[in-house]
Amino acid sequence: MKDYIEERVLEIARYIIDNNTTVRGAAQVFNVSKSTVHKDVHERLLRINRDLYRRCSAVLEKNKAERHIRGGMATREKYMKQQNINY
């Protein structure tokens, strides 16, 4: 694996852990695709640093478990804006 890829993998993993962010959020910050972030943290990171992999996976699993809540809140806000209702 090339050095710059390994550095990116470690940077993305640390960013996800430090900021408790999603794959999509990390992809936007690092200007790469969601697929690249996913491959970096699920395949490459495991070969580079197992401890960091476990910590990063825990954050991503938590985010995955909560995503239906975030989606519901976004939908609620969308319809509230359309109806100009403030709860």
PDB file of N, CA and C in Angstrom:
ATOM      1  N   MET A   1       0.848  -1.168   0.000  1.00  0.00           N
ATOM      2  CA  MET A   1       0.000   0.000   0.000  1.00  0.00           C
ATOM      3  C   MET A   1       0.898   1.238   0.000  1.00  0.00           C
ATOM      4  N   LYS A   2       0.527   2.216  -0.790  1.00  0.00           N
ATOM      5  CA  LYS A   2       1.323   3.432  -0.891  1.00  0.00           C
ATOM      6  C   LYS A   2       1.209   4.247   0.387  1.00  0.00           C
ATOM      7  N   ASP A   3       2.264   4.987   0.680  1.00  0.00           N
ATOM      8  CA  ASP A   3       2.324   5.757   1.927  1.00  0.00           C
ATOM      9  C   ASP A   3       1.197   6.772   2.048  1.00  0.00           C
ATOM     10  N   TYR A   4       0.882   7.460   0.947  1.00  0.00           N
ATOM     11  CA  TYR A   4      -0.147   8.495   1.035  1.00  0.00           C
ATOM     12  C   TYR A   4      -1.520   7.894   1.325  1.00  0.00           C
ATOM     13  N   ILE A   5      -1.765   6.684   0.848  1.00  0.00           N
ATOM     14  CA  ILE A   5      -3.044   6.021   1.134  1.00  0.00           C
ATOM     15  C   ILE A   5      -3.102   5.636   2.608  1.00  0.00           C
ATOM     16  N   GLU A   6      -2.007   5.102   3.117  1.00  0.00           N
ATOM     17  CA  GLU A   6      -1.953   4.713   4.520  1.00  0.00           C
ATOM     18  C   GLU A   6      -2.157   5.927   5.430  1.00  0.00           C
ATOM     19  N   GLU A   7      -1.548   7.040   5.079  1.00  0.00           N
ATOM     20  CA  GLU A   7      -1.724   8.267   5.859  1.00  0.00           C
ATOM     21  C   GLU A   7      -3.177   8.732   5.824  1.00  0.00           C
ATOM     22  N   ARG A   8      -3.790   8.676   4.643  1.00  0.00           N
ATOM     23  CA  ARG A   8      -5.192   9.078   4.515  1.00  0.00           C
ATOM     24  C   ARG A   8      -6.095   8.191   5.362  1.00  0.00           C
ATOM     25  N   VAL A   9      -5.846   6.897   5.333  1.00  0.00           N
ATOM     26  CA  VAL A   9      -6.653   5.953   6.107  1.00  0.00           C
ATOM     27  C   VAL A   9      -6.588   6.303   7.589  1.00  0.00           C
ATOM     28  N   LEU A  10      -5.398   6.545   8.085  1.00  0.00           N
ATOM     29  CA  LEU A  10      -5.230   6.879   9.504  1.00  0.00           C
ATOM     30  C   LEU A  10      -5.872   8.219   9.843  1.00  0.00           C
ATOM     31  N   GLU A  11      -5.725   9.202   8.970  1.00  0.00           N
ATOM     32  CA  GLU A  11      -6.329  10.514   9.193  1.00  0.00           C
ATOM     33  C   GLU A  11      -7.863  10.417   9.225  1.00  0.00           C
ATOM     34  N   ILE A  12      -8.422   9.686   8.277  1.00  0.00           N
ATOM     35  CA  ILE A  12      -9.878   9.535   8.228  1.00  0.00           C
ATOM     36  C   ILE A  12     -10.376   8.825   9.476  1.00  0.00           C
ATOM     37  N   ALA A  13      -9.697   7.771   9.885  1.00  0.00           N
ATOM     38  CA  ALA A  13     -10.119   7.024  11.075  1.00  0.00           C
ATOM     39  C   ALA A  13     -10.069   7.911  12.313  1.00  0.00           C
ATOM     40  N   ARG A  14      -8.995   8.656  12.470  1.00  0.00           N
ATOM     41  CA  ARG A  14      -8.886   9.549  13.632  1.00  0.00           C
ATOM     42  C   ARG A  14      -9.969  10.624  13.593  1.00  0.00           C
ATOM     43  N   TYR A  15     -10.254  11.144  12.410  1.00  0.00           N
ATOM     44  CA  TYR A  15     -11.290  12.168  12.274  1.00  0.00           C
ATOM     45  C   TYR A  15     -12.655  11.609  12.672  1.00  0.00           C
ATOM     46  N   ILE A  16     -12.966  10.413  12.208  1.00  0.00           N
ATOM     47  CA  ILE A  16     -14.253   9.784  12.545  1.00  0.00           C
ATOM     48  C   ILE A  16     -14.367   9.587  14.051  1.00  0.00           C
ATOM     49  N   ILE A  17     -13.308   9.120  14.678  1.00  0.00           N
ATOM     50  CA  ILE A  17     -13.331   8.877  16.122  1.00  0.00           C
ATOM     51  C   ILE A  17     -13.429  10.194  16.895  1.00  0.00           C
ATOM     52  N   ASP A  18     -12.595  11.153  16.546  1.00  0.00           N
ATOM     53  CA  ASP A  18     -12.552  12.426  17.277  1.00  0.00           C
ATOM     54  C   ASP A  18     -13.833  13.231  17.141  1.00  0.00           C
ATOM     55  N   ASN A  19     -14.463  13.176  15.968  1.00  0.00           N
ATOM     56  CA  ASN A  19     -15.638  14.003  15.704  1.00  0.00           C
ATOM     57  C   ASN A  19     -16.947  13.234  15.711  1.00  0.00           C
ATOM     58  N   ASN A  20     -16.870  11.928  15.969  1.00  0.00           N
ATOM     59  CA  ASN A  20     -18.064  11.082  16.008  1.00  0.00           C
ATOM     60  C   ASN A  20     -18.911  11.295  14.756  1.00  0.00           C
ATOM     61  N   THR A  21     -18.270  11.268  13.623  1.00  0.00           N
ATOM     62  CA  THR A  21     -18.935  11.578  12.360  1.00  0.00           C
ATOM     63  C   THR A  21     -19.279  10.319  11.577  1.00  0.00           C
ATOM     64  N   THR A  22     -19.995  10.519  10.494  1.00  0.00           N
ATOM     65  CA  THR A  22     -20.421   9.422   9.627  1.00  0.00           C
ATOM     66  C   THR A  22     -19.446   9.271   8.467  1.00  0.00           C
ATOM     67  N   VAL A  23     -19.627   8.216   7.692  1.00  0.00           N
ATOM     68  CA  VAL A  23     -18.825   8.012   6.486  1.00  0.00           C
ATOM     69  C   VAL A  23     -19.030   9.188   5.531  1.00  0.00           C
ATOM     70  N   ARG A  24     -20.270   9.604   5.395  1.00  0.00           N
ATOM     71  CA  ARG A  24     -20.585  10.724   4.501  1.00  0.00           C
ATOM     72  C   ARG A  24     -19.901  12.013   4.968  1.00  0.00           C
ATOM     73  N   GLY A  25     -19.924  12.264   6.265  1.00  0.00           N
ATOM     74  CA  GLY A  25     -19.286  13.462   6.806  1.00  0.00           C
ATOM     75  C   GLY A  25     -17.788  13.451   6.586  1.00  0.00           C
ATOM     76  N   ALA A  26     -17.163  12.308   6.790  1.00  0.00           N
ATOM     77  CA  ALA A  26     -15.721  12.201   6.580  1.00  0.00           C
ATOM     78  C   ALA A  26     -15.382  12.356   5.101  1.00  0.00           C
ATOM     79  N   ALA A  27     -16.215  11.812   4.240  1.00  0.00           N
ATOM     80  CA  ALA A  27     -15.974  11.914   2.797  1.00  0.00           C
ATOM     81  C   ALA A  27     -15.986  13.373   2.354  1.00  0.00           C
ATOM     82  N   GLN A  28     -16.896  14.155   2.889  1.00  0.00           N
ATOM     83  CA  GLN A  28     -16.970  15.566   2.518  1.00  0.00           C
ATOM     84  C   GLN A  28     -15.742  16.322   2.989  1.00  0.00           C
ATOM     85  N   VAL A  29     -15.284  16.051   4.208  1.00  0.00           N
ATOM     86  CA  VAL A  29     -14.128  16.754   4.756  1.00  0.00           C
ATOM     87  C   VAL A  29     -12.854  16.411   3.984  1.00  0.00           C
ATOM     88  N   PHE A  30     -12.680  15.139   3.640  1.00  0.00           N
ATOM     89  CA  PHE A  30     -11.451  14.703   2.970  1.00  0.00           C
ATOM     90  C   PHE A  30     -11.556  14.737   1.448  1.00  0.00           C
ATOM     91  N   ASN A  31     -12.707  15.167   0.955  1.00  0.00           N
ATOM     92  CA  ASN A  31     -12.917  15.318  -0.486  1.00  0.00           C
ATOM     93  C   ASN A  31     -12.655  14.019  -1.255  1.00  0.00           C
ATOM     94  N   VAL A  32     -13.201  12.939  -0.716  1.00  0.00           N
ATOM     95  CA  VAL A  32     -13.159  11.637  -1.381  1.00  0.00           C
ATOM     96  C   VAL A  32     -14.575  11.074  -1.383  1.00  0.00           C
ATOM     97  N   SER A  33     -14.789   9.997  -2.099  1.00  0.00           N
ATOM     98  CA  SER A  33     -16.126   9.408  -2.162  1.00  0.00           C
ATOM     99  C   SER A  33     -16.435   8.608  -0.895  1.00  0.00           C
ATOM    100  N   LYS A  34     -17.727   8.373  -0.674  1.00  0.00           N
ATOM    101  CA  LYS A  34     -18.143   7.547   0.454  1.00  0.00           C
ATOM    102  C   LYS A  34     -17.573   6.134   0.309  1.00  0.00           C
ATOM    103  N   SER A  35     -17.496   5.662  -0.926  1.00  0.00           N
ATOM    104  CA  SER A  35     -16.947   4.327  -1.172  1.00  0.00           C
ATOM    105  C   SER A  35     -15.491   4.243  -0.741  1.00  0.00           C
ATOM    106  N   THR A  36     -14.743   5.300  -0.991  1.00  0.00           N
ATOM    107  CA  THR A  36     -13.333   5.327  -0.605  1.00  0.00           C
ATOM    108  C   THR A  36     -13.198   5.312   0.909  1.00  0.00           C
ATOM    109  N   VAL A  37     -13.992   6.119   1.591  1.00  0.00           N
ATOM    110  CA  VAL A  37     -13.944   6.143   3.057  1.00  0.00           C
ATOM    111  C   VAL A  37     -14.322   4.770   3.605  1.00  0.00           C
ATOM    112  N   HIS A  38     -15.368   4.187   3.052  1.00  0.00           N
ATOM    113  CA  HIS A  38     -15.808   2.869   3.514  1.00  0.00           C
ATOM    114  C   HIS A  38     -14.702   1.833   3.331  1.00  0.00           C
ATOM    115  N   LYS A  39     -14.081   1.813   2.173  1.00  0.00           N
ATOM    116  CA  LYS A  39     -12.998   0.860   1.910  1.00  0.00           C
ATOM    117  C   LYS A  39     -11.804   1.128   2.838  1.00  0.00           C
ATOM    118  N   ASP A  40     -11.505   2.410   3.050  1.00  0.00           N
ATOM    119  CA  ASP A  40     -10.390   2.765   3.924  1.00  0.00           C
ATOM    120  C   ASP A  40     -10.606   2.265   5.348  1.00  0.00           C
ATOM    121  N   VAL A  41     -11.782   2.500   5.909  1.00  0.00           N
ATOM    122  CA  VAL A  41     -11.983   2.172   7.323  1.00  0.00           C
ATOM    123  C   VAL A  41     -12.426   0.732   7.560  1.00  0.00           C
ATOM    124  N   HIS A  42     -12.919   0.054   6.549  1.00  0.00           N
ATOM    125  CA  HIS A  42     -13.348  -1.327   6.754  1.00  0.00           C
ATOM    126  C   HIS A  42     -12.364  -2.372   6.243  1.00  0.00           C
ATOM    127  N   GLU A  43     -11.540  -2.031   5.300  1.00  0.00           N
ATOM    128  CA  GLU A  43     -10.580  -3.007   4.770  1.00  0.00           C
ATOM    129  C   GLU A  43      -9.136  -2.612   5.076  1.00  0.00           C
ATOM    130  N   ARG A  44      -8.760  -1.434   4.653  1.00  0.00           N
ATOM    131  CA  ARG A  44      -7.357  -1.030   4.784  1.00  0.00           C
ATOM    132  C   ARG A  44      -6.956  -0.798   6.233  1.00  0.00           C
ATOM    133  N   LEU A  45      -7.819  -0.173   7.012  1.00  0.00           N
ATOM    134  CA  LEU A  45      -7.492   0.139   8.406  1.00  0.00           C
ATOM    135  C   LEU A  45      -7.269  -1.128   9.218  1.00  0.00           C
ATOM    136  N   LEU A  46      -8.010  -2.162   8.934  1.00  0.00           N
ATOM    137  CA  LEU A  46      -7.852  -3.432   9.649  1.00  0.00           C
ATOM    138  C   LEU A  46      -6.435  -3.976   9.487  1.00  0.00           C
ATOM    139  N   ARG A  47      -5.857  -3.802   8.304  1.00  0.00           N
ATOM    140  CA  ARG A  47      -4.487  -4.280   8.057  1.00  0.00           C
ATOM    141  C   ARG A  47      -3.430  -3.354   8.657  1.00  0.00           C
ATOM    142  N   ILE A  48      -3.784  -2.089   8.864  1.00  0.00           N
ATOM    143  CA  ILE A  48      -2.805  -1.110   9.333  1.00  0.00           C
ATOM    144  C   ILE A  48      -2.769  -1.031  10.861  1.00  0.00           C
ATOM    145  N   ASN A  49      -3.954  -0.908  11.477  1.00  0.00           N
ATOM    146  CA  ASN A  49      -4.006  -0.674  12.918  1.00  0.00           C
ATOM    147  C   ASN A  49      -5.313  -1.257  13.469  1.00  0.00           C
ATOM    148  N   ARG A  50      -5.224  -2.417  14.104  1.00  0.00           N
ATOM    149  CA  ARG A  50      -6.421  -3.106  14.589  1.00  0.00           C
ATOM    150  C   ARG A  50      -7.138  -2.344  15.698  1.00  0.00           C
ATOM    151  N   ASP A  51      -6.387  -1.722  16.592  1.00  0.00           N
ATOM    152  CA  ASP A  51      -7.024  -0.981  17.683  1.00  0.00           C
ATOM    153  C   ASP A  51      -7.820   0.206  17.149  1.00  0.00           C
ATOM    154  N   LEU A  52      -7.230   0.951  16.241  1.00  0.00           N
ATOM    155  CA  LEU A  52      -7.916   2.081  15.627  1.00  0.00           C
ATOM    156  C   LEU A  52      -9.129   1.599  14.833  1.00  0.00           C
ATOM    157  N   TYR A  53      -8.999   0.449  14.188  1.00  0.00           N
ATOM    158  CA  TYR A  53     -10.112  -0.154  13.447  1.00  0.00           C
ATOM    159  C   TYR A  53     -11.293  -0.432  14.377  1.00  0.00           C
ATOM    160  N   ARG A  54     -11.014  -1.022  15.538  1.00  0.00           N
ATOM    161  CA  ARG A  54     -12.088  -1.337  16.485  1.00  0.00           C
ATOM    162  C   ARG A  54     -12.783  -0.071  16.982  1.00  0.00           C
ATOM    163  N   ARG A  55     -11.993   0.945  17.309  1.00  0.00           N
ATOM    164  CA  ARG A  55     -12.578   2.201  17.806  1.00  0.00           C
ATOM    165  C   ARG A  55     -13.399   2.891  16.722  1.00  0.00           C
ATOM    166  N   CYS A  56     -12.885   2.906  15.508  1.00  0.00           N
ATOM    167  CA  CYS A  56     -13.594   3.533  14.392  1.00  0.00           C
ATOM    168  C   CYS A  56     -14.872   2.757  14.064  1.00  0.00           C
ATOM    169  N   SER A  57     -14.794   1.458  14.073  1.00  0.00           N
ATOM    170  CA  SER A  57     -15.965   0.626  13.790  1.00  0.00           C
ATOM    171  C   SER A  57     -17.062   0.842  14.825  1.00  0.00           C
ATOM    172  N   ALA A  58     -16.671   1.036  16.072  1.00  0.00           N
ATOM    173  CA  ALA A  58     -17.656   1.279  17.125  1.00  0.00           C
ATOM    174  C   ALA A  58     -18.421   2.570  16.860  1.00  0.00           C
ATOM    175  N   VAL A  59     -17.710   3.616  16.445  1.00  0.00           N
ATOM    176  CA  VAL A  59     -18.365   4.893  16.129  1.00  0.00           C
ATOM    177  C   VAL A  59     -19.311   4.717  14.951  1.00  0.00           C
ATOM    178  N   LEU A  60     -18.847   4.039  13.912  1.00  0.00           N
ATOM    179  CA  LEU A  60     -19.675   3.859  12.721  1.00  0.00           C
ATOM    180  C   LEU A  60     -20.891   2.983  13.002  1.00  0.00           C
ATOM    181  N   GLU A  61     -20.755   1.974  13.839  1.00  0.00           N
ATOM    182  CA  GLU A  61     -21.898   1.127  14.208  1.00  0.00           C
ATOM    183  C   GLU A  61     -22.932   1.931  14.992  1.00  0.00           C
ATOM    184  N   LYS A  62     -22.456   2.794  15.890  1.00  0.00           N
ATOM    185  CA  LYS A  62     -23.367   3.649  16.650  1.00  0.00           C
ATOM    186  C   LYS A  62     -24.122   4.574  15.699  1.00  0.00           C
ATOM    187  N   ASN A  63     -23.401   5.171  14.750  1.00  0.00           N
ATOM    188  CA  ASN A  63     -24.036   6.053  13.777  1.00  0.00           C
ATOM    189  C   ASN A  63     -25.044   5.299  12.916  1.00  0.00           C
ATOM    190  N   LYS A  64     -24.697   4.081  12.554  1.00  0.00           N
ATOM    191  CA  LYS A  64     -25.598   3.271  11.741  1.00  0.00           C
ATOM    192  C   LYS A  64     -26.884   2.959  12.502  1.00  0.00           C
ATOM    193  N   ALA A  65     -26.744   2.690  13.802  1.00  0.00           N
ATOM    194  CA  ALA A  65     -27.916   2.383  14.616  1.00  0.00           C
ATOM    195  C   ALA A  65     -28.815   3.608  14.796  1.00  0.00           C
ATOM    196  N   GLU A  66     -28.236   4.801  14.714  1.00  0.00           N
ATOM    197  CA  GLU A  66     -28.994   6.032  14.937  1.00  0.00           C
ATOM    198  C   GLU A  66     -29.465   6.703  13.656  1.00  0.00           C
ATOM    199  N   ARG A  67     -29.093   6.191  12.516  1.00  0.00           N
ATOM    200  CA  ARG A  67     -29.379   6.918  11.281  1.00  0.00           C
ATOM    201  C   ARG A  67     -30.874   7.054  10.992  1.00  0.00           C
ATOM    202  N   HIS A  68     -31.667   6.109  11.406  1.00  0.00           N
ATOM    203  CA  HIS A  68     -33.112   6.229  11.170  1.00  0.00           C
ATOM    204  C   HIS A  68     -33.691   7.394  11.967  1.00  0.00           C
ATOM    205  N   ILE A  69     -33.099   7.678  13.106  1.00  0.00           N
ATOM    206  CA  ILE A  69     -33.560   8.815  13.912  1.00  0.00           C
ATOM    207  C   ILE A  69     -33.200  10.127  13.222  1.00  0.00           C
ATOM    208  N   ARG A  70     -31.956  10.225  12.741  1.00  0.00           N
ATOM    209  CA  ARG A  70     -31.528  11.437  12.030  1.00  0.00           C
ATOM    210  C   ARG A  70     -32.362  11.647  10.778  1.00  0.00           C
ATOM    211  N   GLY A  71     -32.677  10.581  10.080  1.00  0.00           N
ATOM    212  CA  GLY A  71     -33.505  10.688   8.877  1.00  0.00           C
ATOM    213  C   GLY A  71     -34.900  11.167   9.193  1.00  0.00           C
ATOM    214  N   GLY A  72     -35.464  10.667  10.285  1.00  0.00           N
ATOM    215  CA  GLY A  72     -36.794  11.096  10.706  1.00  0.00           C
ATOM    216  C   GLY A  72     -36.815  12.560  11.111  1.00  0.00           C
ATOM    217  N   MET A  73     -35.775  12.995  11.784  1.00  0.00           N
ATOM    218  CA  MET A  73     -35.692  14.405  12.195  1.00  0.00           C
ATOM    219  C   MET A  73     -35.554  15.309  10.968  1.00  0.00           C
ATOM    220  N   ALA A  74     -34.768  14.888   9.984  1.00  0.00           N
ATOM    221  CA  ALA A  74     -34.601  15.681   8.769  1.00  0.00           C
ATOM    222  C   ALA A  74     -35.924  15.801   8.015  1.00  0.00           C
ATOM    223  N   THR A  75     -36.665  14.707   7.952  1.00  0.00           N
ATOM    224  CA  THR A  75     -37.968  14.736   7.286  1.00  0.00           C
ATOM    225  C   THR A  75     -38.929  15.652   8.030  1.00  0.00           C
ATOM    226  N   ARG A  76     -38.928  15.574   9.340  1.00  0.00           N
ATOM    227  CA  ARG A  76     -39.801  16.430  10.154  1.00  0.00           C
ATOM    228  C   ARG A  76     -39.485  17.907   9.910  1.00  0.00           C
ATOM    229  N   GLU A  77     -38.198  18.241   9.918  1.00  0.00           N
ATOM    230  CA  GLU A  77     -37.793  19.627   9.682  1.00  0.00           C
ATOM    231  C   GLU A  77     -38.189  20.099   8.282  1.00  0.00           C
ATOM    232  N   LYS A  78     -38.056  19.217   7.325  1.00  0.00           N
ATOM    233  CA  LYS A  78     -38.423  19.557   5.942  1.00  0.00           C
ATOM    234  C   LYS A  78     -39.891  19.954   5.859  1.00  0.00           C
ATOM    235  N   TYR A  79     -40.758  19.134   6.440  1.00  0.00           N
ATOM    236  CA  TYR A  79     -42.191  19.419   6.373  1.00  0.00           C
ATOM    237  C   TYR A  79     -42.585  20.607   7.245  1.00  0.00           C
ATOM    238  N   MET A  80     -41.867  20.816   8.336  1.00  0.00           N
ATOM    239  CA  MET A  80     -42.144  21.987   9.160  1.00  0.00           C
ATOM    240  C   MET A  80     -41.823  23.265   8.396  1.00  0.00           C
ATOM    241  N   LYS A  81     -40.731  23.260   7.655  1.00  0.00           N
ATOM    242  CA  LYS A  81     -40.371  24.426   6.854  1.00  0.00           C
ATOM    243  C   LYS A  81     -41.400  24.674   5.753  1.00  0.00           C
ATOM    244  N   GLN A  82     -41.873  23.594   5.155  1.00  0.00           N
ATOM    245  CA  GLN A  82     -42.879  23.742   4.096  1.00  0.00           C
ATOM    246  C   GLN A  82     -44.177  24.328   4.622  1.00  0.00           C
ATOM    247  N   GLN A  83     -44.524  23.973   5.834  1.00  0.00           N
ATOM    248  CA  GLN A  83     -45.784  24.442   6.413  1.00  0.00           C
ATOM    249  C   GLN A  83     -45.615  25.697   7.256  1.00  0.00           C
ATOM    250  N   ASN A  84     -44.367  26.158   7.410  1.00  0.00           N
ATOM    251  CA  ASN A  84     -44.060  27.329   8.244  1.00  0.00           C
ATOM    252  C   ASN A  84     -44.609  27.194   9.656  1.00  0.00           C
ATOM    253  N   ILE A  85     -44.428  25.997  10.219  1.00  0.00           N
ATOM    254  CA  ILE A  85     -44.871  25.723  11.576  1.00  0.00           C
ATOM    255  C   ILE A  85     -43.628  25.587  12.456  1.00  0.00           C
ATOM    256  N   ASN A  86     -43.644  26.237  13.577  1.00  0.00           N
ATOM    257  CA  ASN A  86     -42.536  26.127  14.517  1.00  0.00           C
ATOM    258  C   ASN A  86     -43.023  25.455  15.796  1.00  0.00           C
ATOM    259  N   TYR A  87     -42.526  24.272  16.042  1.00  0.00           N
ATOM    260  CA  TYR A  87     -42.891  23.538  17.261  1.00  0.00           C
ATOM    261  C   TYR A  87     -41.889  23.834  18.342  1.00  0.00           C
TER     262      TYR A  87
END
